[in-house]
Amino acid sequence: MEINSFRQILAWQKAHQLALVIYKAVGYLPDYEKYNLTSQMIRAAVSTSANIVEGFARLGSSDSLRFYNIAEASLEELKYHTLLCFDLEYFSQKQYQYLSTLEDEVGKILKGWIKSQIKNKKDLT
């Protein structure tokens, strides 16, 4: 199946879902974290999905892969922030497990997408 839009990429769909969940989850953080953890978590979540979009829009496969790698790095940053929120007791065990499971799912799907793009690059040469 040919992908004509970033909206068709499962990794983007899941990353976008994660960003929406993070926007809600940061509501549990104290007000004094508004310019710290809250903004960092939103930035990392949005960066994950936005870099998938930007990578898809790039014409060169090397350029695309660079943006997909940035998406992975942003996701890893978000995983740390989620753990920090749990350790600071901003998130309950249940909230943490839900978020970290979703983050792990996005990570696995994103890795699969990247591997498929690397394979496609090799097939073209």
N, C-alpha and C. Protein backbone atom coordinates (compact mmCIF):
# COMPACT_ATOMS: atom_id res chain seq x y z
N MET A 1 0.84 -1.18 0.00
CA MET A 1 0.00 0.00 0.00
C MET A 1 0.89 1.25 0.00
N GLU A 2 0.62 2.13 -0.91
CA GLU A 2 1.38 3.37 -0.99
C GLU A 2 0.83 4.37 0.03
N ILE A 3 1.74 5.01 0.72
CA ILE A 3 1.35 6.01 1.72
C ILE A 3 1.46 7.38 1.09
N ASN A 4 0.35 8.08 1.05
CA ASN A 4 0.29 9.40 0.42
C ASN A 4 0.21 10.55 1.41
N SER A 5 -0.02 10.24 2.66
CA SER A 5 -0.18 11.27 3.69
C SER A 5 0.41 10.76 5.00
N PHE A 6 0.96 11.68 5.77
CA PHE A 6 1.49 11.29 7.09
C PHE A 6 0.39 10.68 7.96
N ARG A 7 -0.85 11.05 7.69
CA ARG A 7 -1.97 10.53 8.49
C ARG A 7 -2.14 9.02 8.33
N GLN A 8 -1.57 8.45 7.29
CA GLN A 8 -1.65 7.02 7.05
C GLN A 8 -0.55 6.24 7.78
N ILE A 9 0.41 6.93 8.34
CA ILE A 9 1.53 6.27 9.01
C ILE A 9 1.10 5.89 10.43
N LEU A 10 1.12 4.59 10.72
CA LEU A 10 0.69 4.12 12.04
C LEU A 10 1.52 4.75 13.15
N ALA A 11 2.81 4.91 12.93
CA ALA A 11 3.67 5.53 13.95
C ALA A 11 3.19 6.94 14.27
N TRP A 12 2.81 7.69 13.25
CA TRP A 12 2.28 9.05 13.49
C TRP A 12 0.95 8.97 14.23
N GLN A 13 0.07 8.07 13.83
CA GLN A 13 -1.24 7.94 14.47
C GLN A 13 -1.09 7.70 15.97
N LYS A 14 -0.21 6.78 16.31
CA LYS A 14 0.02 6.45 17.73
C LYS A 14 0.72 7.60 18.46
N ALA A 15 1.67 8.24 17.80
CA ALA A 15 2.37 9.37 18.43
C ALA A 15 1.40 10.53 18.65
N HIS A 16 0.51 10.75 17.71
CA HIS A 16 -0.51 11.81 17.85
C HIS A 16 -1.44 11.48 19.01
N GLN A 17 -1.85 10.23 19.10
CA GLN A 17 -2.70 9.80 20.22
C GLN A 17 -1.97 10.05 21.54
N LEU A 18 -0.68 9.73 21.58
CA LEU A 18 0.12 9.96 22.79
C LEU A 18 0.16 11.44 23.13
N ALA A 19 0.35 12.29 22.14
CA ALA A 19 0.39 13.74 22.39
C ALA A 19 -0.92 14.22 23.00
N LEU A 20 -2.04 13.72 22.50
CA LEU A 20 -3.34 14.11 23.05
C LEU A 20 -3.48 13.66 24.50
N VAL A 21 -3.01 12.45 24.78
CA VAL A 21 -3.07 11.92 26.15
C VAL A 21 -2.17 12.74 27.07
N ILE A 22 -1.00 13.11 26.60
CA ILE A 22 -0.07 13.90 27.42
C ILE A 22 -0.66 15.26 27.75
N TYR A 23 -1.33 15.88 26.78
CA TYR A 23 -1.99 17.16 27.05
C TYR A 23 -2.96 17.04 28.23
N LYS A 24 -3.65 15.91 28.32
CA LYS A 24 -4.57 15.70 29.44
C LYS A 24 -3.82 15.35 30.72
N ALA A 25 -2.79 14.52 30.59
CA ALA A 25 -2.06 14.04 31.76
C ALA A 25 -1.36 15.16 32.52
N VAL A 26 -0.85 16.15 31.80
CA VAL A 26 -0.13 17.22 32.48
C VAL A 26 -1.06 18.07 33.35
N GLY A 27 -2.34 17.91 33.18
CA GLY A 27 -3.29 18.59 34.05
C GLY A 27 -3.18 18.14 35.50
N TYR A 28 -2.56 16.98 35.73
CA TYR A 28 -2.35 16.48 37.09
C TYR A 28 -1.12 17.08 37.75
N LEU A 29 -0.31 17.76 36.99
CA LEU A 29 0.90 18.35 37.55
C LEU A 29 0.56 19.63 38.31
N PRO A 30 1.34 19.93 39.34
CA PRO A 30 1.10 21.17 40.09
C PRO A 30 1.30 22.40 39.21
N ASP A 31 0.64 23.47 39.57
CA ASP A 31 0.73 24.71 38.79
C ASP A 31 2.16 25.21 38.66
N TYR A 32 2.97 25.00 39.70
CA TYR A 32 4.34 25.51 39.63
C TYR A 32 5.21 24.75 38.62
N GLU A 33 4.70 23.66 38.07
CA GLU A 33 5.42 22.93 37.02
C GLU A 33 5.02 23.39 35.62
N LYS A 34 4.14 24.40 35.54
CA LYS A 34 3.61 24.85 34.25
C LYS A 34 4.72 25.18 33.25
N TYR A 35 5.76 25.84 33.69
CA TYR A 35 6.83 26.25 32.78
C TYR A 35 8.02 25.30 32.82
N ASN A 36 7.89 24.22 33.57
CA ASN A 36 8.95 23.23 33.65
C ASN A 36 8.49 21.92 33.02
N LEU A 37 8.08 20.98 33.86
CA LEU A 37 7.69 19.67 33.35
C LEU A 37 6.52 19.72 32.38
N THR A 38 5.53 20.53 32.68
CA THR A 38 4.36 20.59 31.80
C THR A 38 4.77 20.96 30.38
N SER A 39 5.50 22.05 30.25
CA SER A 39 5.88 22.49 28.90
C SER A 39 6.87 21.53 28.26
N GLN A 40 7.76 20.93 29.04
CA GLN A 40 8.73 19.98 28.49
C GLN A 40 8.03 18.73 27.97
N MET A 41 7.05 18.25 28.72
CA MET A 41 6.34 17.03 28.30
C MET A 41 5.52 17.28 27.04
N ILE A 42 4.84 18.41 26.99
CA ILE A 42 4.06 18.73 25.80
C ILE A 42 4.98 18.90 24.60
N ARG A 43 6.09 19.60 24.80
CA ARG A 43 7.04 19.82 23.71
C ARG A 43 7.58 18.49 23.18
N ALA A 44 7.96 17.58 24.09
CA ALA A 44 8.52 16.30 23.66
C ALA A 44 7.47 15.44 22.95
N ALA A 45 6.25 15.45 23.46
CA ALA A 45 5.19 14.65 22.83
C ALA A 45 4.85 15.18 21.44
N VAL A 46 4.72 16.49 21.33
CA VAL A 46 4.41 17.09 20.03
C VAL A 46 5.59 16.92 19.07
N SER A 47 6.80 17.03 19.58
CA SER A 47 7.98 16.86 18.74
C SER A 47 8.04 15.45 18.14
N THR A 48 7.62 14.46 18.91
CA THR A 48 7.63 13.09 18.41
C THR A 48 6.78 12.98 17.15
N SER A 49 5.53 13.41 17.25
CA SER A 49 4.64 13.29 16.08
C SER A 49 5.02 14.28 14.98
N ALA A 50 5.43 15.49 15.34
CA ALA A 50 5.78 16.50 14.33
C ALA A 50 7.00 16.08 13.51
N ASN A 51 7.96 15.43 14.14
CA ASN A 51 9.15 15.00 13.40
C ASN A 51 8.86 13.82 12.48
N ILE A 52 7.86 13.02 12.81
CA ILE A 52 7.43 11.98 11.88
C ILE A 52 6.84 12.64 10.63
N VAL A 53 6.02 13.67 10.86
CA VAL A 53 5.43 14.42 9.74
C VAL A 53 6.53 15.05 8.88
N GLU A 54 7.47 15.70 9.53
CA GLU A 54 8.53 16.38 8.78
C GLU A 54 9.40 15.38 8.03
N GLY A 55 9.69 14.25 8.66
CA GLY A 55 10.47 13.22 7.98
C GLY A 55 9.75 12.69 6.75
N PHE A 56 8.45 12.51 6.87
CA PHE A 56 7.67 12.03 5.73
C PHE A 56 7.69 13.04 4.58
N ALA A 57 7.71 14.31 4.92
CA ALA A 57 7.66 15.37 3.90
C ALA A 57 9.00 15.57 3.19
N ARG A 58 10.08 15.06 3.76
CA ARG A 58 11.40 15.23 3.15
C ARG A 58 11.56 14.31 1.95
N LEU A 59 12.24 14.79 0.94
CA LEU A 59 12.40 14.01 -0.29
C LEU A 59 13.53 13.00 -0.19
N GLY A 60 14.62 13.36 0.43
CA GLY A 60 15.75 12.45 0.54
C GLY A 60 15.57 11.49 1.70
N SER A 61 15.87 10.21 1.48
CA SER A 61 15.67 9.23 2.55
C SER A 61 16.59 9.48 3.74
N SER A 62 17.82 9.96 3.49
CA SER A 62 18.72 10.26 4.61
C SER A 62 18.16 11.39 5.46
N ASP A 63 17.63 12.39 4.81
CA ASP A 63 17.02 13.52 5.51
C ASP A 63 15.80 13.05 6.30
N SER A 64 14.98 12.20 5.68
CA SER A 64 13.81 11.65 6.37
C SER A 64 14.22 10.89 7.62
N LEU A 65 15.23 10.04 7.49
CA LEU A 65 15.67 9.23 8.62
C LEU A 65 16.18 10.09 9.76
N ARG A 66 16.79 11.21 9.44
CA ARG A 66 17.27 12.12 10.49
C ARG A 66 16.10 12.63 11.33
N PHE A 67 15.00 12.97 10.69
CA PHE A 67 13.83 13.45 11.43
C PHE A 67 13.16 12.33 12.21
N TYR A 68 13.14 11.12 11.65
CA TYR A 68 12.58 9.99 12.40
C TYR A 68 13.42 9.71 13.64
N ASN A 69 14.74 9.89 13.52
CA ASN A 69 15.62 9.71 14.67
C ASN A 69 15.35 10.78 15.73
N ILE A 70 15.09 12.00 15.31
CA ILE A 70 14.73 13.07 16.26
C ILE A 70 13.43 12.71 16.96
N ALA A 71 12.49 12.13 16.23
CA ALA A 71 11.22 11.70 16.84
C ALA A 71 11.49 10.66 17.92
N GLU A 72 12.39 9.72 17.64
CA GLU A 72 12.75 8.71 18.65
C GLU A 72 13.36 9.36 19.89
N ALA A 73 14.26 10.31 19.67
CA ALA A 73 14.91 10.99 20.79
C ALA A 73 13.90 11.77 21.63
N SER A 74 12.96 12.42 20.98
CA SER A 74 11.92 13.16 21.71
C SER A 74 11.06 12.21 22.53
N LEU A 75 10.77 11.05 21.97
CA LEU A 75 9.99 10.05 22.71
C LEU A 75 10.76 9.57 23.94
N GLU A 76 12.05 9.35 23.80
CA GLU A 76 12.86 8.93 24.95
C GLU A 76 12.87 10.01 26.03
N GLU A 77 12.95 11.25 25.61
CA GLU A 77 12.88 12.36 26.56
C GLU A 77 11.54 12.35 27.30
N LEU A 78 10.47 12.13 26.57
CA LEU A 78 9.14 12.07 27.17
C LEU A 78 9.05 10.92 28.18
N LYS A 79 9.64 9.78 27.85
CA LYS A 79 9.64 8.64 28.78
C LYS A 79 10.30 9.03 30.10
N TYR A 80 11.40 9.76 30.01
CA TYR A 80 12.07 10.20 31.24
C TYR A 80 11.17 11.14 32.04
N HIS A 81 10.56 12.10 31.37
CA HIS A 81 9.68 13.05 32.08
C HIS A 81 8.52 12.32 32.75
N THR A 82 8.00 11.31 32.09
CA THR A 82 6.90 10.53 32.67
C THR A 82 7.37 9.81 33.93
N LEU A 83 8.55 9.22 33.87
CA LEU A 83 9.13 8.56 35.04
C LEU A 83 9.36 9.56 36.17
N LEU A 84 9.88 10.72 35.82
CA LEU A 84 10.13 11.75 36.82
C LEU A 84 8.83 12.17 37.51
N CYS A 85 7.77 12.33 36.73
CA CYS A 85 6.47 12.69 37.31
C CYS A 85 5.97 11.61 38.27
N PHE A 86 6.22 10.37 37.92
CA PHE A 86 5.83 9.28 38.82
C PHE A 86 6.67 9.32 40.09
N ASP A 87 7.98 9.47 39.94
CA ASP A 87 8.87 9.51 41.10
C ASP A 87 8.58 10.70 42.02
N LEU A 88 8.11 11.80 41.43
CA LEU A 88 7.74 12.98 42.23
C LEU A 88 6.31 12.87 42.78
N GLU A 89 5.67 11.74 42.48
CA GLU A 89 4.31 11.44 42.94
C GLU A 89 3.25 12.37 42.34
N TYR A 90 3.52 12.85 41.13
CA TYR A 90 2.52 13.63 40.40
C TYR A 90 1.55 12.68 39.68
N PHE A 91 2.06 11.51 39.27
CA PHE A 91 1.24 10.49 38.62
C PHE A 91 1.12 9.28 39.54
N SER A 92 -0.05 8.68 39.55
CA SER A 92 -0.25 7.44 40.29
C SER A 92 0.42 6.29 39.53
N GLN A 93 0.52 5.15 40.18
CA GLN A 93 1.07 3.96 39.53
C GLN A 93 0.26 3.63 38.27
N LYS A 94 -1.05 3.72 38.38
CA LYS A 94 -1.93 3.40 37.25
C LYS A 94 -1.70 4.38 36.08
N GLN A 95 -1.61 5.66 36.39
CA GLN A 95 -1.36 6.67 35.35
C GLN A 95 0.00 6.43 34.69
N TYR A 96 1.00 6.18 35.52
CA TYR A 96 2.35 5.95 35.00
C TYR A 96 2.38 4.73 34.09
N GLN A 97 1.76 3.64 34.53
CA GLN A 97 1.77 2.42 33.72
C GLN A 97 1.06 2.64 32.39
N TYR A 98 -0.06 3.34 32.43
CA TYR A 98 -0.79 3.62 31.19
C TYR A 98 0.07 4.43 30.22
N LEU A 99 0.68 5.50 30.73
CA LEU A 99 1.50 6.36 29.88
C LEU A 99 2.74 5.64 29.37
N SER A 100 3.41 4.91 30.25
CA SER A 100 4.65 4.24 29.81
C SER A 100 4.34 3.12 28.82
N THR A 101 3.21 2.44 28.99
CA THR A 101 2.81 1.42 28.02
C THR A 101 2.55 2.04 26.65
N LEU A 102 1.85 3.16 26.65
CA LEU A 102 1.58 3.88 25.40
C LEU A 102 2.88 4.38 24.76
N GLU A 103 3.77 4.91 25.58
CA GLU A 103 5.07 5.38 25.07
C GLU A 103 5.87 4.23 24.46
N ASP A 104 5.87 3.08 25.15
CA ASP A 104 6.59 1.92 24.63
C ASP A 104 5.99 1.44 23.30
N GLU A 105 4.66 1.47 23.22
CA GLU A 105 3.99 1.06 21.99
C GLU A 105 4.37 1.99 20.83
N VAL A 106 4.37 3.28 21.09
CA VAL A 106 4.78 4.25 20.07
C VAL A 106 6.22 3.97 19.65
N GLY A 107 7.09 3.71 20.62
CA GLY A 107 8.49 3.44 20.32
C GLY A 107 8.68 2.22 19.44
N LYS A 108 7.97 1.14 19.73
CA LYS A 108 8.09 -0.08 18.92
C LYS A 108 7.60 0.15 17.50
N ILE A 109 6.46 0.82 17.38
CA ILE A 109 5.90 1.08 16.05
C ILE A 109 6.81 2.03 15.27
N LEU A 110 7.35 3.04 15.94
CA LEU A 110 8.25 3.98 15.28
C LEU A 110 9.52 3.28 14.81
N LYS A 111 10.07 2.40 15.65
CA LYS A 111 11.26 1.64 15.23
C LYS A 111 10.96 0.80 14.00
N GLY A 112 9.78 0.18 13.98
CA GLY A 112 9.38 -0.62 12.82
C GLY A 112 9.26 0.23 11.57
N TRP A 113 8.70 1.43 11.72
CA TRP A 113 8.58 2.36 10.59
C TRP A 113 9.96 2.73 10.06
N ILE A 114 10.86 3.05 10.97
CA ILE A 114 12.22 3.44 10.57
C ILE A 114 12.91 2.28 9.85
N LYS A 115 12.79 1.07 10.39
CA LYS A 115 13.40 -0.09 9.74
C LYS A 115 12.84 -0.29 8.34
N SER A 116 11.54 -0.08 8.18
CA SER A 116 10.93 -0.24 6.85
C SER A 116 11.46 0.82 5.88
N GLN A 117 11.71 2.01 6.38
CA GLN A 117 12.23 3.08 5.52
C GLN A 117 13.68 2.81 5.14
N ILE A 118 14.45 2.24 6.07
CA ILE A 118 15.83 1.87 5.76
C ILE A 118 15.84 0.76 4.71
N LYS A 119 14.95 -0.22 4.86
CA LYS A 119 14.84 -1.31 3.89
C LYS A 119 14.45 -0.76 2.52
N ASN A 120 13.48 0.14 2.49
CA ASN A 120 13.06 0.74 1.22
C ASN A 120 14.21 1.49 0.56
N LYS A 121 15.03 2.15 1.37
CA LYS A 121 16.19 2.88 0.84
C LYS A 121 17.16 1.90 0.19
N LYS A 122 17.40 0.76 0.86
CA LYS A 122 18.31 -0.25 0.31
C LYS A 122 17.75 -0.86 -0.96
N ASP A 123 16.44 -1.08 -0.98
CA ASP A 123 15.80 -1.66 -2.16
C ASP A 123 15.89 -0.75 -3.38
N LEU A 124 15.99 0.56 -3.14
CA LEU A 124 16.06 1.53 -4.24
C LEU A 124 17.46 1.66 -4.83
N THR A 125 18.47 1.17 -4.09
CA THR A 125 19.84 1.32 -4.58
C THR A 125 20.32 0.09 -5.30
